[in-house]
Amino acid sequence: MTTEKYTIAGNSLASRSSALLERERLASAIRNGSLVVYDLSAVVSISSSYADELFGVLVMEFGVEKVLDSLKIVGASPAVLRVIAEAINVRSQGFSSRVA
């Protein structure tokens, strides 16, 4: 398994359109079987819409287990992790109900 490392330089992540670009990069890496190390140490805040567009939509595309197995988030503050976890949780519930 190849490891790809991404570092986010911005300190506030809010735009769905910028999240979409990031999601496309991460989705491509996941499709290729890579482990993605996603460094969020410079990020102070993340909006729920950004987290949903990036992480939530990845869960809709690949499923929560595949995303969690393929993506390692490092350096994120507890507040940033909470927003990401909420986006994953909301979308994983929707994913589960579609599969059942």
Protein backbone atom coordinates (compact mmCIF):
# COMPACT_ATOMS: atom_id res chain seq x y z
CA MET A 1 0.00 0.00 0.00
CA THR A 2 1.36 3.38 -1.03
CA THR A 3 1.19 6.29 1.40
CA GLU A 4 0.25 9.74 0.14
CA LYS A 5 0.69 12.73 2.44
CA TYR A 6 -1.31 15.94 2.19
CA THR A 7 -0.87 19.02 4.35
CA ILE A 8 -3.57 21.66 4.49
CA ALA A 9 -2.06 25.14 4.72
CA GLY A 10 -5.18 27.19 5.46
CA ASN A 11 -6.20 27.80 9.04
CA SER A 12 -9.96 28.06 8.43
CA LEU A 13 -11.72 25.64 6.12
CA ALA A 14 -15.20 26.71 5.13
CA SER A 15 -15.87 26.58 1.38
CA ARG A 16 -17.73 23.61 -0.11
CA SER A 17 -16.03 24.32 -3.44
CA SER A 18 -12.54 24.03 -1.96
CA ALA A 19 -13.64 20.88 -0.09
CA LEU A 20 -14.79 19.40 -3.39
CA LEU A 21 -11.29 19.84 -4.85
CA GLU A 22 -9.73 18.18 -1.81
CA ARG A 23 -12.28 15.36 -1.96
CA GLU A 24 -11.40 14.64 -5.58
CA ARG A 25 -7.71 14.30 -4.63
CA LEU A 26 -8.47 12.04 -1.69
CA ALA A 27 -10.98 9.93 -3.62
CA SER A 28 -8.43 9.34 -6.35
CA ALA A 29 -5.85 8.21 -3.81
CA ILE A 30 -8.37 5.90 -2.11
CA ARG A 31 -9.39 4.40 -5.48
CA ASN A 32 -5.70 3.71 -6.15
CA GLY A 33 -5.43 1.81 -2.87
CA SER A 34 -3.26 4.38 -1.10
CA LEU A 35 -3.19 5.19 2.58
CA VAL A 36 -3.76 8.94 2.83
CA VAL A 37 -2.11 10.81 5.69
CA TYR A 38 -3.98 14.10 5.96
CA ASP A 39 -2.18 16.69 8.12
CA LEU A 40 -4.53 19.26 9.61
CA SER A 41 -2.12 20.71 12.19
CA ALA A 42 -2.43 24.23 10.71
CA VAL A 43 -6.24 24.14 10.70
CA VAL A 44 -7.89 26.11 13.49
CA SER A 45 -11.49 25.69 12.37
CA ILE A 46 -13.54 23.73 9.87
CA SER A 47 -17.15 24.37 8.93
CA SER A 48 -19.68 21.58 9.01
CA SER A 49 -20.38 22.16 5.31
CA TYR A 50 -16.67 21.74 4.44
CA ALA A 51 -16.43 18.58 6.54
CA ASP A 52 -19.59 17.19 4.97
CA GLU A 53 -18.46 17.92 1.42
CA LEU A 54 -15.05 16.37 2.00
CA PHE A 55 -15.40 13.59 4.54
CA GLY A 56 -19.15 12.98 4.45
CA VAL A 57 -19.28 12.58 0.69
CA LEU A 58 -16.24 10.26 0.79
CA VAL A 59 -18.25 8.08 3.18
CA MET A 60 -21.19 8.13 0.78
CA GLU A 61 -18.91 7.06 -2.07
CA PHE A 62 -16.74 4.44 -0.35
CA GLY A 63 -18.46 3.55 2.91
CA VAL A 64 -17.29 4.43 6.39
CA GLU A 65 -15.00 1.42 6.85
CA LYS A 66 -13.09 2.02 3.62
CA VAL A 67 -12.66 5.72 4.44
CA LEU A 68 -11.46 5.02 7.97
CA ASP A 69 -9.08 2.32 6.72
CA SER A 70 -7.69 4.56 3.94
CA LEU A 71 -7.47 7.93 5.66
CA LYS A 72 -5.35 8.90 8.66
CA ILE A 73 -5.95 12.41 9.99
CA VAL A 74 -3.01 13.82 11.94
CA GLY A 75 -2.45 17.04 13.84
CA ALA A 76 -6.11 18.03 14.06
CA SER A 77 -7.42 19.77 17.16
CA PRO A 78 -10.24 18.15 19.14
CA ALA A 79 -12.68 20.78 17.84
CA VAL A 80 -11.77 20.03 14.21
CA LEU A 81 -12.01 16.29 14.82
CA ARG A 82 -15.48 16.70 16.35
CA VAL A 83 -16.79 18.45 13.22
CA ILE A 84 -15.25 15.77 10.97
CA ALA A 85 -16.62 12.95 13.14
CA GLU A 86 -20.10 14.47 13.03
CA ALA A 87 -20.02 14.69 9.21
CA ILE A 88 -18.87 11.07 8.96
CA ASN A 89 -21.48 9.94 11.47
CA VAL A 90 -24.37 11.67 9.69
CA ARG A 91 -23.38 10.33 6.27
CA SER A 92 -22.59 6.83 7.53
CA GLN A 93 -26.13 6.56 8.91
CA GLY A 94 -27.47 7.53 5.49
CA PHE A 95 -25.10 5.04 3.83
CA SER A 96 -26.24 2.23 6.13
CA SER A 97 -29.92 2.87 5.48
CA ARG A 98 -29.33 2.79 1.70
CA VAL A 99 -27.52 -0.54 1.91
CA ALA A 100 -30.03 -2.26 4.24
